[in-house]
Each structure stands twice: as C-alpha cells, then as structure tokens.
C-alpha cells in the first residue's frame, strides 16, 4: 500500500510533468502562430501586388474599350451621313420589330 508521502510525490511529479508539457505546448503554439502570421503577411503582399496588376490591366482594358466604342460610333455616324435613307429604313424596321416583340 502506498503512503501519503508517495502519493504526494507522485502527484508533484505529475504536476511538474504537466507544467512542462504545457510550457512545450505553449512554445510550439507560439511558433505555429508566428509561422501562420508570417505566411498571412506573405499572402497579403502577393494579393496587394496582384490587385495592383489587375487594376492596371482593367484600366488598360477600359481605355481600349472606350477607344473601340468611339471608333464604332464614328464609323456608324459616317455610314448614316453617307446613306441617310437606308439608316432611316433600318431604324424604322428595328423599331417595328421591337414594338411587336414588346406587345407579346
């Protein structure tokens, strides 16, 4: 049969082991959190760089689209000036088709 002293020593040893394990777990957790934080910072930097690149590409695409729309508008205006009756006929026919389509 174990004495009270043996039980106290066993409990003390278990408490020390538990404290050491908790300390090791805490340091491991800290290291893991630091690695995670570092990885998140790297990811944030990459996202900012990609966002900047995407913003530049979208701005360029918008500029090209605007230029294309202006060219199309200029070409359409030239065709309307060159063929006013045909333009009127096409617009009238399109209006009739849209009107019939909307009535249904």
PDB file of N, CA and C in Angstrom:
ATOM      1  N   UNK A   1       0.839  -1.169   0.000  1.00  0.00           N
ATOM      2  CA  UNK A   1       0.000   0.000   0.000  1.00  0.00           C
ATOM      3  C   UNK A   1       0.889   1.239   0.000  1.00  0.00           C
ATOM      4  N   UNK A   2       0.500   2.231  -0.827  1.00  0.00           N
ATOM      5  CA  UNK A   2       1.294   3.450  -0.958  1.00  0.00           C
ATOM      6  C   UNK A   2       0.984   4.403   0.181  1.00  0.00           C
ATOM      7  N   UNK A   3       2.029   5.057   0.635  1.00  0.00           N
ATOM      8  CA  UNK A   3       1.838   6.006   1.719  1.00  0.00           C
ATOM      9  C   UNK A   3       1.408   7.357   1.145  1.00  0.00           C
ATOM     10  N   UNK A   4       0.993   8.228   2.051  1.00  0.00           N
ATOM     11  CA  UNK A   4       0.570   9.573   1.645  1.00  0.00           C
ATOM     12  C   UNK A   4       1.742  10.309   1.013  1.00  0.00           C
ATOM     13  N   UNK A   5       2.933  10.090   1.570  1.00  0.00           N
ATOM     14  CA  UNK A   5       4.125  10.736   1.026  1.00  0.00           C
ATOM     15  C   UNK A   5       4.353  10.297  -0.420  1.00  0.00           C
ATOM     16  N   UNK A   6       4.194   9.021  -0.717  1.00  0.00           N
ATOM     17  CA  UNK A   6       4.368   8.508  -2.083  1.00  0.00           C
ATOM     18  C   UNK A   6       3.321   9.113  -3.027  1.00  0.00           C
ATOM     19  N   UNK A   7       2.094   9.204  -2.538  1.00  0.00           N
ATOM     20  CA  UNK A   7       1.025   9.784  -3.346  1.00  0.00           C
ATOM     21  C   UNK A   7       1.325  11.253  -3.630  1.00  0.00           C
ATOM     22  N   UNK A   8       1.791  12.007  -2.593  1.00  0.00           N
ATOM     23  CA  UNK A   8       2.125  13.422  -2.777  1.00  0.00           C
ATOM     24  C   UNK A   8       3.276  13.568  -3.775  1.00  0.00           C
ATOM     25  N   UNK A   9       4.288  12.717  -3.632  1.00  0.00           N
ATOM     26  CA  UNK A   9       5.428  12.784  -4.565  1.00  0.00           C
ATOM     27  C   UNK A   9       4.978  12.457  -5.987  1.00  0.00           C
ATOM     28  N   UNK A  10       4.126  11.469  -6.118  1.00  0.00           N
ATOM     29  CA  UNK A  10       3.608  11.110  -7.445  1.00  0.00           C
ATOM     30  C   UNK A  10       2.790  12.237  -8.044  1.00  0.00           C
ATOM     31  N   UNK A  11       1.963  12.866  -7.198  1.00  0.00           N
ATOM     32  CA  UNK A  11       1.146  13.988  -7.668  1.00  0.00           C
ATOM     33  C   UNK A  11       2.038  15.171  -8.033  1.00  0.00           C
ATOM     34  N   UNK A  12       3.072  15.417  -7.235  1.00  0.00           N
ATOM     35  CA  UNK A  12       4.005  16.503  -7.508  1.00  0.00           C
ATOM     36  C   UNK A  12       4.733  16.264  -8.827  1.00  0.00           C
ATOM     37  N   UNK A  13       5.179  15.017  -9.021  1.00  0.00           N
ATOM     38  CA  UNK A  13       5.869  14.663 -10.268  1.00  0.00           C
ATOM     39  C   UNK A  13       4.924  14.819 -11.455  1.00  0.00           C
ATOM     40  N   UNK A  14       3.676  14.403 -11.304  1.00  0.00           N
ATOM     41  CA  UNK A  14       2.688  14.533 -12.381  1.00  0.00           C
ATOM     42  C   UNK A  14       2.419  16.006 -12.691  1.00  0.00           C
ATOM     43  N   UNK A  15       2.354  16.845 -11.636  1.00  0.00           N
ATOM     44  CA  UNK A  15       2.130  18.280 -11.820  1.00  0.00           C
ATOM     45  C   UNK A  15       3.309  18.916 -12.564  1.00  0.00           C
ATOM     46  N   UNK A  16       4.538  18.514 -12.206  1.00  0.00           N
ATOM     47  CA  UNK A  16       5.727  19.036 -12.896  1.00  0.00           C
ATOM     48  C   UNK A  16       5.728  18.608 -14.363  1.00  0.00           C
ATOM     49  N   UNK A  17       5.397  17.347 -14.598  1.00  0.00           N
ATOM     50  CA  UNK A  17       5.339  16.851 -15.982  1.00  0.00           C
ATOM     51  C   UNK A  17       4.276  17.603 -16.785  1.00  0.00           C
ATOM     52  N   UNK A  18       3.136  17.830 -16.140  1.00  0.00           N
ATOM     53  CA  UNK A  18       2.049  18.550 -16.798  1.00  0.00           C
ATOM     54  C   UNK A  18       2.454  19.987 -17.100  1.00  0.00           C
ATOM     55  N   UNK A  19       3.131  20.635 -16.150  1.00  0.00           N
ATOM     56  CA  UNK A  19       3.590  22.011 -16.354  1.00  0.00           C
ATOM     57  C   UNK A  19       4.598  22.067 -17.501  1.00  0.00           C
ATOM     58  N   UNK A  20       5.507  21.094 -17.549  1.00  0.00           N
ATOM     59  CA  UNK A  20       6.490  21.055 -18.638  1.00  0.00           C
ATOM     60  C   UNK A  20       5.820  20.833 -19.982  1.00  0.00           C
ATOM     61  N   UNK A  21       4.840  19.945 -20.006  1.00  0.00           N
ATOM     62  CA  UNK A  21       4.114  19.685 -21.256  1.00  0.00           C
ATOM     63  C   UNK A  21       3.354  20.924 -21.706  1.00  0.00           C
ATOM     64  N   UNK A  22       2.739  21.636 -20.747  1.00  0.00           N
ATOM     65  CA  UNK A  22       2.002  22.862 -21.081  1.00  0.00           C
ATOM     66  C   UNK A  22       2.958  23.932 -21.622  1.00  0.00           C
ATOM     67  N   UNK A  23       4.143  24.026 -21.019  1.00  0.00           N
ATOM     68  CA  UNK A  23       5.130  25.001 -21.484  1.00  0.00           C
ATOM     69  C   UNK A  23       5.585  24.669 -22.906  1.00  0.00           C
ATOM     70  N   UNK A  24       5.862  23.380 -23.154  1.00  0.00           N
ATOM     71  CA  UNK A  24       6.253  22.953 -24.502  1.00  0.00           C
ATOM     72  C   UNK A  24       5.140  23.217 -25.512  1.00  0.00           C
ATOM     73  N   UNK A  25       3.909  22.920 -25.105  1.00  0.00           N
ATOM     74  CA  UNK A  25       2.774  23.152 -26.000  1.00  0.00           C
ATOM     75  C   UNK A  25       2.623  24.648 -26.289  1.00  0.00           C
ATOM     76  N   UNK A  26       2.824  25.457 -25.252  1.00  0.00           N
ATOM     77  CA  UNK A  26       2.725  26.913 -25.435  1.00  0.00           C
ATOM     78  C   UNK A  26       3.774  27.433 -26.401  1.00  0.00           C
ATOM     79  N   UNK A  27       5.017  26.972 -26.253  1.00  0.00           N
ATOM     80  CA  UNK A  27       6.068  27.440 -27.161  1.00  0.00           C
ATOM     81  C   UNK A  27       5.827  26.933 -28.583  1.00  0.00           C
ATOM     82  N   UNK A  28       5.336  25.693 -28.699  1.00  0.00           N
ATOM     83  CA  UNK A  28       5.019  25.161 -30.025  1.00  0.00           C
ATOM     84  C   UNK A  28       3.890  25.964 -30.664  1.00  0.00           C
ATOM     85  N   UNK A  29       2.895  26.312 -29.852  1.00  0.00           N
ATOM     86  CA  UNK A  29       1.778  27.101 -30.343  1.00  0.00           C
ATOM     87  C   UNK A  29       2.253  28.481 -30.787  1.00  0.00           C
ATOM     88  N   UNK A  30       3.130  29.096 -30.003  1.00  0.00           N
ATOM     89  CA  UNK A  30       3.671  30.407 -30.363  1.00  0.00           C
ATOM     90  C   UNK A  30       4.412  30.339 -31.704  1.00  0.00           C
ATOM     91  N   UNK A  31       5.241  29.300 -31.860  1.00  0.00           N
ATOM     92  CA  UNK A  31       5.982  29.139 -33.116  1.00  0.00           C
ATOM     93  C   UNK A  31       5.023  28.944 -34.281  1.00  0.00           C
ATOM     94  N   UNK A  32       3.982  28.130 -34.063  1.00  0.00           N
ATOM     95  CA  UNK A  32       2.994  27.895 -35.114  1.00  0.00           C
ATOM     96  C   UNK A  32       2.251  29.171 -35.478  1.00  0.00           C
ATOM     97  N   UNK A  33       1.896  29.946 -34.462  1.00  0.00           N
ATOM     98  CA  UNK A  33       1.204  31.214 -34.727  1.00  0.00           C
ATOM     99  C   UNK A  33       2.106  32.197 -35.463  1.00  0.00           C
ATOM    100  N   UNK A  34       3.386  32.218 -35.108  1.00  0.00           N
ATOM    101  CA  UNK A  34       4.321  33.115 -35.792  1.00  0.00           C
ATOM    102  C   UNK A  34       4.457  32.711 -37.258  1.00  0.00           C
ATOM    103  N   UNK A  35       4.578  31.407 -37.499  1.00  0.00           N
ATOM    104  CA  UNK A  35       4.675  30.927 -38.884  1.00  0.00           C
ATOM    105  C   UNK A  35       3.401  31.263 -39.662  1.00  0.00           C
ATOM    106  N   UNK A  36       2.259  31.095 -39.014  1.00  0.00           N
ATOM    107  CA  UNK A  36       0.987  31.412 -39.666  1.00  0.00           C
ATOM    108  C   UNK A  36       0.903  32.903 -39.958  1.00  0.00           C
ATOM    109  N   UNK A  37       1.306  33.735 -39.006  1.00  0.00           N
ATOM    110  CA  UNK A  37       1.281  35.183 -39.212  1.00  0.00           C
ATOM    111  C   UNK A  37       2.219  35.581 -40.352  1.00  0.00           C
ATOM    112  N   UNK A  38       3.398  34.979 -40.397  1.00  0.00           N
ATOM    113  CA  UNK A  38       4.335  35.274 -41.480  1.00  0.00           C
ATOM    114  C   UNK A  38       3.747  34.888 -42.830  1.00  0.00           C
ATOM    115  N   UNK A  39       3.122  33.723 -42.872  1.00  0.00           N
ATOM    116  CA  UNK A  39       2.505  33.259 -44.123  1.00  0.00           C
ATOM    117  C   UNK A  39       1.362  34.186 -44.545  1.00  0.00           C
ATOM    118  N   UNK A  40       0.580  34.648 -43.590  1.00  0.00           N
ATOM    119  CA  UNK A  40      -0.505  35.582 -43.899  1.00  0.00           C
ATOM    120  C   UNK A  40       0.039  36.907 -44.425  1.00  0.00           C
ATOM    121  N   UNK A  41       1.151  37.367 -43.873  1.00  0.00           N
ATOM    122  CA  UNK A  41       1.775  38.598 -44.373  1.00  0.00           C
ATOM    123  C   UNK A  41       2.249  38.410 -45.815  1.00  0.00           C
ATOM    124  N   UNK A  42       2.870  37.264 -46.091  1.00  0.00           N
ATOM    125  CA  UNK A  42       3.324  36.992 -47.466  1.00  0.00           C
ATOM    126  C   UNK A  42       2.133  36.920 -48.416  1.00  0.00           C
ATOM    127  N   UNK A  43       1.070  36.274 -47.977  1.00  0.00           N
ATOM    128  CA  UNK A  43      -0.137  36.178 -48.796  1.00  0.00           C
ATOM    129  C   UNK A  43      -0.728  37.559 -49.041  1.00  0.00           C
ATOM    130  N   UNK A  44      -0.778  38.386 -48.019  1.00  0.00           N
ATOM    131  CA  UNK A  44      -1.279  39.760 -48.171  1.00  0.00           C
ATOM    132  C   UNK A  44      -0.446  40.552 -49.167  1.00  0.00           C
ATOM    133  N   UNK A  45       0.878  40.398 -49.100  1.00  0.00           N
ATOM    134  CA  UNK A  45       1.752  41.098 -50.041  1.00  0.00           C
ATOM    135  C   UNK A  45       1.483  40.648 -51.474  1.00  0.00           C
ATOM    136  N   UNK A  46       1.307  39.332 -51.658  1.00  0.00           N
ATOM    137  CA  UNK A  46       1.014  38.824 -53.011  1.00  0.00           C
ATOM    138  C   UNK A  46      -0.333  39.319 -53.496  1.00  0.00           C
ATOM    139  N   UNK A  47      -1.329  39.350 -52.617  1.00  0.00           N
ATOM    140  CA  UNK A  47      -2.652  39.842 -53.008  1.00  0.00           C
ATOM    141  C   UNK A  47      -2.609  41.316 -53.396  1.00  0.00           C
ATOM    142  N   UNK A  48      -1.853  42.112 -52.640  1.00  0.00           N
ATOM    143  CA  UNK A  48      -1.734  43.530 -52.992  1.00  0.00           C
ATOM    144  C   UNK A  48      -1.051  43.698 -54.348  1.00  0.00           C
ATOM    145  N   UNK A  49      -0.007  42.923 -54.593  1.00  0.00           N
ATOM    146  CA  UNK A  49       0.700  43.007 -55.870  1.00  0.00           C
ATOM    147  C   UNK A  49      -0.221  42.576 -57.013  1.00  0.00           C
ATOM    148  N   UNK A  50      -0.944  41.469 -56.818  1.00  0.00           N
ATOM    149  CA  UNK A  50      -1.866  41.012 -57.860  1.00  0.00           C
ATOM    150  C   UNK A  50      -3.001  42.002 -58.064  1.00  0.00           C
ATOM    151  N   UNK A  51      -3.494  42.596 -56.990  1.00  0.00           N
ATOM    152  CA  UNK A  51      -4.563  43.588 -57.099  1.00  0.00           C
ATOM    153  C   UNK A  51      -4.108  44.801 -57.873  1.00  0.00           C
ATOM    154  N   UNK A  52      -2.892  45.237 -57.628  1.00  0.00           N
ATOM    155  CA  UNK A  52      -2.344  46.379 -58.354  1.00  0.00           C
ATOM    156  C   UNK A  52      -2.206  46.046 -59.833  1.00  0.00           C
ATOM    157  N   UNK A  53      -1.709  44.840 -60.114  1.00  0.00           N
ATOM    158  CA  UNK A  53      -1.546  44.409 -61.503  1.00  0.00           C
ATOM    159  C   UNK A  53      -2.910  44.321 -62.192  1.00  0.00           C
ATOM    160  N   UNK A  54      -3.891  43.762 -61.509  1.00  0.00           N
ATOM    161  CA  UNK A  54      -5.236  43.633 -62.068  1.00  0.00           C
ATOM    162  C   UNK A  54      -5.855  45.000 -62.306  1.00  0.00           C
ATOM    163  N   UNK A  55      -5.645  45.918 -61.393  1.00  0.00           N
ATOM    164  CA  UNK A  55      -6.169  47.270 -61.552  1.00  0.00           C
ATOM    165  C   UNK A  55      -5.581  47.917 -62.809  1.00  0.00           C
ATOM    166  N   UNK A  56      -4.283  47.748 -63.030  1.00  0.00           N
ATOM    167  CA  UNK A  56      -3.655  48.301 -64.229  1.00  0.00           C
ATOM    168  C   UNK A  56      -4.231  47.675 -65.495  1.00  0.00           C
ATOM    169  N   UNK A  57      -4.424  46.355 -65.472  1.00  0.00           N
ATOM    170  CA  UNK A  57      -4.980  45.685 -66.645  1.00  0.00           C
ATOM    171  C   UNK A  57      -6.409  46.129 -66.924  1.00  0.00           C
ATOM    172  N   UNK A  58      -7.211  46.268 -65.880  1.00  0.00           N
ATOM    173  CA  UNK A  58      -8.591  46.716 -66.065  1.00  0.00           C
ATOM    174  C   UNK A  58      -8.646  48.147 -66.581  1.00  0.00           C
ATOM    175  N   UNK A  59      -7.774  48.996 -66.098  1.00  0.00           N
ATOM    176  CA  UNK A  59      -7.734  50.375 -66.567  1.00  0.00           C
ATOM    177  C   UNK A  59      -7.370  50.403 -68.060  1.00  0.00           C
ATOM    178  N   UNK A  60      -6.393  49.578 -68.441  1.00  0.00           N
ATOM    179  CA  UNK A  60      -5.978  49.497 -69.841  1.00  0.00           C
ATOM    180  C   UNK A  60      -7.107  48.943 -70.709  1.00  0.00           C
ATOM    181  N   UNK A  61      -7.803  47.904 -70.222  1.00  0.00           N
ATOM    182  CA  UNK A  61      -8.908  47.315 -70.976  1.00  0.00           C
ATOM    183  C   UNK A  61     -10.043  48.325 -71.134  1.00  0.00           C
ATOM    184  N   UNK A  62     -10.329  49.090 -70.099  1.00  0.00           N
ATOM    185  CA  UNK A  62     -11.357  50.131 -70.179  1.00  0.00           C
ATOM    186  C   UNK A  62     -10.993  51.195 -71.199  1.00  0.00           C
ATOM    187  N   UNK A  63      -9.719  51.563 -71.228  1.00  0.00           N
ATOM    188  CA  UNK A  63      -9.271  52.562 -72.203  1.00  0.00           C
ATOM    189  C   UNK A  63      -9.428  52.023 -73.621  1.00  0.00           C
ATOM    190  N   UNK A  64      -9.015  50.761 -73.830  1.00  0.00           N
ATOM    191  CA  UNK A  64      -9.157  50.154 -75.169  1.00  0.00           C
ATOM    192  C   UNK A  64     -10.620  50.035 -75.575  1.00  0.00           C
ATOM    193  N   UNK A  65     -11.481  49.661 -74.617  1.00  0.00           N
ATOM    194  CA  UNK A  65     -12.905  49.544 -74.912  1.00  0.00           C
ATOM    195  C   UNK A  65     -13.474  50.904 -75.306  1.00  0.00           C
ATOM    196  N   UNK A  66     -13.095  51.948 -74.583  1.00  0.00           N
ATOM    197  CA  UNK A  66     -13.560  53.307 -74.909  1.00  0.00           C
ATOM    198  C   UNK A  66     -13.117  53.730 -76.295  1.00  0.00           C
ATOM    199  N   UNK A  67     -11.873  53.425 -76.643  1.00  0.00           N
ATOM    200  CA  UNK A  67     -11.375  53.770 -77.978  1.00  0.00           C
ATOM    201  C   UNK A  67     -12.151  53.011 -79.052  1.00  0.00           C
ATOM    202  N   UNK A  68     -12.416  51.720 -78.814  1.00  0.00           N
ATOM    203  CA  UNK A  68     -13.177  50.917 -79.769  1.00  0.00           C
ATOM    204  C   UNK A  68     -14.601  51.439 -79.927  1.00  0.00           C
ATOM    205  N   UNK A  69     -15.218  51.828 -78.816  1.00  0.00           N
ATOM    206  CA  UNK A  69     -16.580  52.367 -78.880  1.00  0.00           C
ATOM    207  C   UNK A  69     -16.599  53.680 -79.656  1.00  0.00           C
ATOM    208  N   UNK A  70     -15.596  54.525 -79.449  1.00  0.00           N
ATOM    209  CA  UNK A  70     -15.528  55.794 -80.208  1.00  0.00           C
ATOM    210  C   UNK A  70     -15.352  55.528 -81.700  1.00  0.00           C
ATOM    211  N   UNK A  71     -14.470  54.580 -82.038  1.00  0.00           N
ATOM    212  CA  UNK A  71     -14.261  54.245 -83.457  1.00  0.00           C
ATOM    213  C   UNK A  71     -15.540  53.711 -84.073  1.00  0.00           C
ATOM    214  N   UNK A  72     -16.245  52.820 -83.347  1.00  0.00           N
ATOM    215  CA  UNK A  72     -17.500  52.276 -83.853  1.00  0.00           C
ATOM    216  C   UNK A  72     -18.524  53.390 -84.049  1.00  0.00           C
ATOM    217  N   UNK A  73     -18.620  54.285 -83.078  1.00  0.00           N
ATOM    218  CA  UNK A  73     -19.556  55.419 -83.195  1.00  0.00           C
ATOM    219  C   UNK A  73     -19.215  56.313 -84.368  1.00  0.00           C
ATOM    220  N   UNK A  74     -17.933  56.591 -84.578  1.00  0.00           N
ATOM    221  CA  UNK A  74     -17.516  57.425 -85.705  1.00  0.00           C
ATOM    222  C   UNK A  74     -17.848  56.754 -87.033  1.00  0.00           C
ATOM    223  N   UNK A  75     -17.593  55.438 -87.113  1.00  0.00           N
ATOM    224  CA  UNK A  75     -17.890  54.692 -88.335  1.00  0.00           C
ATOM    225  C   UNK A  75     -19.391  54.674 -88.597  1.00  0.00           C
ATOM    226  N   UNK A  76     -20.181  54.456 -87.546  1.00  0.00           N
ATOM    227  CA  UNK A  76     -21.637  54.447 -87.708  1.00  0.00           C
ATOM    228  C   UNK A  76     -22.128  55.816 -88.156  1.00  0.00           C
ATOM    229  N   UNK A  77     -21.595  56.883 -87.582  1.00  0.00           N
ATOM    230  CA  UNK A  77     -22.004  58.233 -87.978  1.00  0.00           C
ATOM    231  C   UNK A  77     -21.655  58.498 -89.439  1.00  0.00           C
ATOM    232  N   UNK A  78     -20.490  58.046 -89.886  1.00  0.00           N
ATOM    233  CA  UNK A  78     -20.108  58.219 -91.289  1.00  0.00           C
ATOM    234  C   UNK A  78     -21.070  57.479 -92.217  1.00  0.00           C
ATOM    235  N   UNK A  79     -21.440  56.250 -91.843  1.00  0.00           N
ATOM    236  CA  UNK A  79     -22.360  55.464 -92.664  1.00  0.00           C
ATOM    237  C   UNK A  79     -23.743  56.108 -92.712  1.00  0.00           C
ATOM    238  N   UNK A  80     -24.192  56.643 -91.604  1.00  0.00           N
ATOM    239  CA  UNK A  80     -25.502  57.307 -91.577  1.00  0.00           C
ATOM    240  C   UNK A  80     -25.483  58.549 -92.456  1.00  0.00           C
ATOM    241  N   UNK A  81     -24.398  59.320 -92.410  1.00  0.00           N
ATOM    242  CA  UNK A  81     -24.287  60.507 -93.278  1.00  0.00           C
ATOM    243  C   UNK A  81     -24.225  60.107 -94.753  1.00  0.00           C
ATOM    244  N   UNK A  82     -23.543  58.994 -95.032  1.00  0.00           N
ATOM    245  CA  UNK A  82     -23.403  58.557 -96.424  1.00  0.00           C
ATOM    246  C   UNK A  82     -24.696  57.951 -96.964  1.00  0.00           C
ATOM    247  N   UNK A  83     -25.482  57.304 -96.114  1.00  0.00           N
ATOM    248  CA  UNK A  83     -26.708  56.615 -96.554  1.00  0.00           C
ATOM    249  C   UNK A  83     -27.860  56.930 -95.592  1.00  0.00           C
ATOM    250  N   UNK A  84     -28.389  58.159 -95.617  1.00  0.00           N
ATOM    251  CA  UNK A  84     -29.413  58.534 -94.633  1.00  0.00           C
ATOM    252  C   UNK A  84     -30.728  57.768 -94.805  1.00  0.00           C
ATOM    253  N   UNK A  85     -31.155  57.496 -96.031  1.00  0.00           N
ATOM    254  CA  UNK A  85     -32.425  56.793 -96.224  1.00  0.00           C
ATOM    255  C   UNK A  85     -32.333  55.347 -95.756  1.00  0.00           C
ATOM    256  N   UNK A  86     -31.226  54.696 -96.039  1.00  0.00           N
ATOM    257  CA  UNK A  86     -31.048  53.321 -95.588  1.00  0.00           C
ATOM    258  C   UNK A  86     -31.016  53.272 -94.054  1.00  0.00           C
ATOM    259  N   UNK A  87     -30.349  54.234 -93.445  1.00  0.00           N
ATOM    260  CA  UNK A  87     -30.276  54.287 -91.982  1.00  0.00           C
ATOM    261  C   UNK A  87     -31.666  54.484 -91.389  1.00  0.00           C
ATOM    262  N   UNK A  88     -32.474  55.372 -92.028  1.00  0.00           N
ATOM    263  CA  UNK A  88     -33.831  55.593 -91.542  1.00  0.00           C
ATOM    264  C   UNK A  88     -34.657  54.319 -91.675  1.00  0.00           C
ATOM    265  N   UNK A  89     -34.547  53.637 -92.806  1.00  0.00           N
ATOM    266  CA  UNK A  89     -35.291  52.399 -93.035  1.00  0.00           C
ATOM    267  C   UNK A  89     -34.921  51.311 -92.031  1.00  0.00           C
ATOM    268  N   UNK A  90     -33.640  51.170 -91.771  1.00  0.00           N
ATOM    269  CA  UNK A  90     -33.186  50.167 -90.802  1.00  0.00           C
ATOM    270  C   UNK A  90     -33.691  50.502 -89.403  1.00  0.00           C
ATOM    271  N   UNK A  91     -33.620  51.769 -89.014  1.00  0.00           N
ATOM    272  CA  UNK A  91     -34.092  52.190 -87.693  1.00  0.00           C
ATOM    273  C   UNK A  91     -35.595  51.974 -87.567  1.00  0.00           C
ATOM    274  N   UNK A  92     -36.347  52.291 -88.657  1.00  0.00           N
ATOM    275  CA  UNK A  92     -37.802  52.108 -88.642  1.00  0.00           C
ATOM    276  C   UNK A  92     -38.143  50.622 -88.492  1.00  0.00           C
ATOM    277  N   UNK A  93     -37.486  49.773 -89.261  1.00  0.00           N
ATOM    278  CA  UNK A  93     -37.744  48.330 -89.199  1.00  0.00           C
ATOM    279  C   UNK A  93     -37.400  47.774 -87.810  1.00  0.00           C
ATOM    280  N   UNK A  94     -36.300  48.207 -87.260  1.00  0.00           N
ATOM    281  CA  UNK A  94     -35.910  47.748 -85.927  1.00  0.00           C
ATOM    282  C   UNK A  94     -36.934  48.184 -84.887  1.00  0.00           C
ATOM    283  N   UNK A  95     -37.440  49.393 -85.023  1.00  0.00           N
ATOM    284  CA  UNK A  95     -38.471  49.887 -84.108  1.00  0.00           C
ATOM    285  C   UNK A  95     -39.737  49.065 -84.194  1.00  0.00           C
ATOM    286  N   UNK A  96     -40.141  48.711 -85.406  1.00  0.00           N
ATOM    287  CA  UNK A  96     -41.349  47.894 -85.588  1.00  0.00           C
ATOM    288  C   UNK A  96     -41.160  46.507 -84.948  1.00  0.00           C
ATOM    289  N   UNK A  97     -40.009  45.910 -85.148  1.00  0.00           N
ATOM    290  CA  UNK A  97     -39.736  44.575 -84.582  1.00  0.00           C
ATOM    291  C   UNK A  97     -39.746  44.622 -83.058  1.00  0.00           C
ATOM    292  N   UNK A  98     -39.116  45.620 -82.492  1.00  0.00           N
ATOM    293  CA  UNK A  98     -39.071  45.744 -81.034  1.00  0.00           C
ATOM    294  C   UNK A  98     -40.468  45.990 -80.479  1.00  0.00           C
ATOM    295  N   UNK A  99     -41.247  46.830 -81.173  1.00  0.00           N
ATOM    296  CA  UNK A  99     -42.612  47.109 -80.727  1.00  0.00           C
ATOM    297  C   UNK A  99     -43.450  45.840 -80.718  1.00  0.00           C
ATOM    298  N   UNK A 100     -43.401  45.063 -81.769  1.00  0.00           N
ATOM    299  CA  UNK A 100     -44.176  43.812 -81.826  1.00  0.00           C
ATOM    300  C   UNK A 100     -43.687  42.822 -80.760  1.00  0.00           C
ATOM    301  N   UNK A 101     -42.398  42.795 -80.562  1.00  0.00           N
ATOM    302  CA  UNK A 101     -41.842  41.875 -79.571  1.00  0.00           C
ATOM    303  C   UNK A 101     -42.298  42.270 -78.152  1.00  0.00           C
ATOM    304  N   UNK A 102     -42.363  43.568 -77.871  1.00  0.00           N
ATOM    305  CA  UNK A 102     -42.772  44.024 -76.542  1.00  0.00           C
ATOM    306  C   UNK A 102     -44.264  43.869 -76.293  1.00  0.00           C
ATOM    307  N   UNK A 103     -45.077  43.860 -77.332  1.00  0.00           N
ATOM    308  CA  UNK A 103     -46.532  43.691 -77.170  1.00  0.00           C
ATOM    309  C   UNK A 103     -46.864  42.287 -76.707  1.00  0.00           C
ATOM    310  N   UNK A 104     -46.071  41.331 -77.078  1.00  0.00           N
ATOM    311  CA  UNK A 104     -46.352  39.934 -76.722  1.00  0.00           C
ATOM    312  C   UNK A 104     -45.935  39.686 -75.348  1.00  0.00           C
TER     313      UNK A 104
END
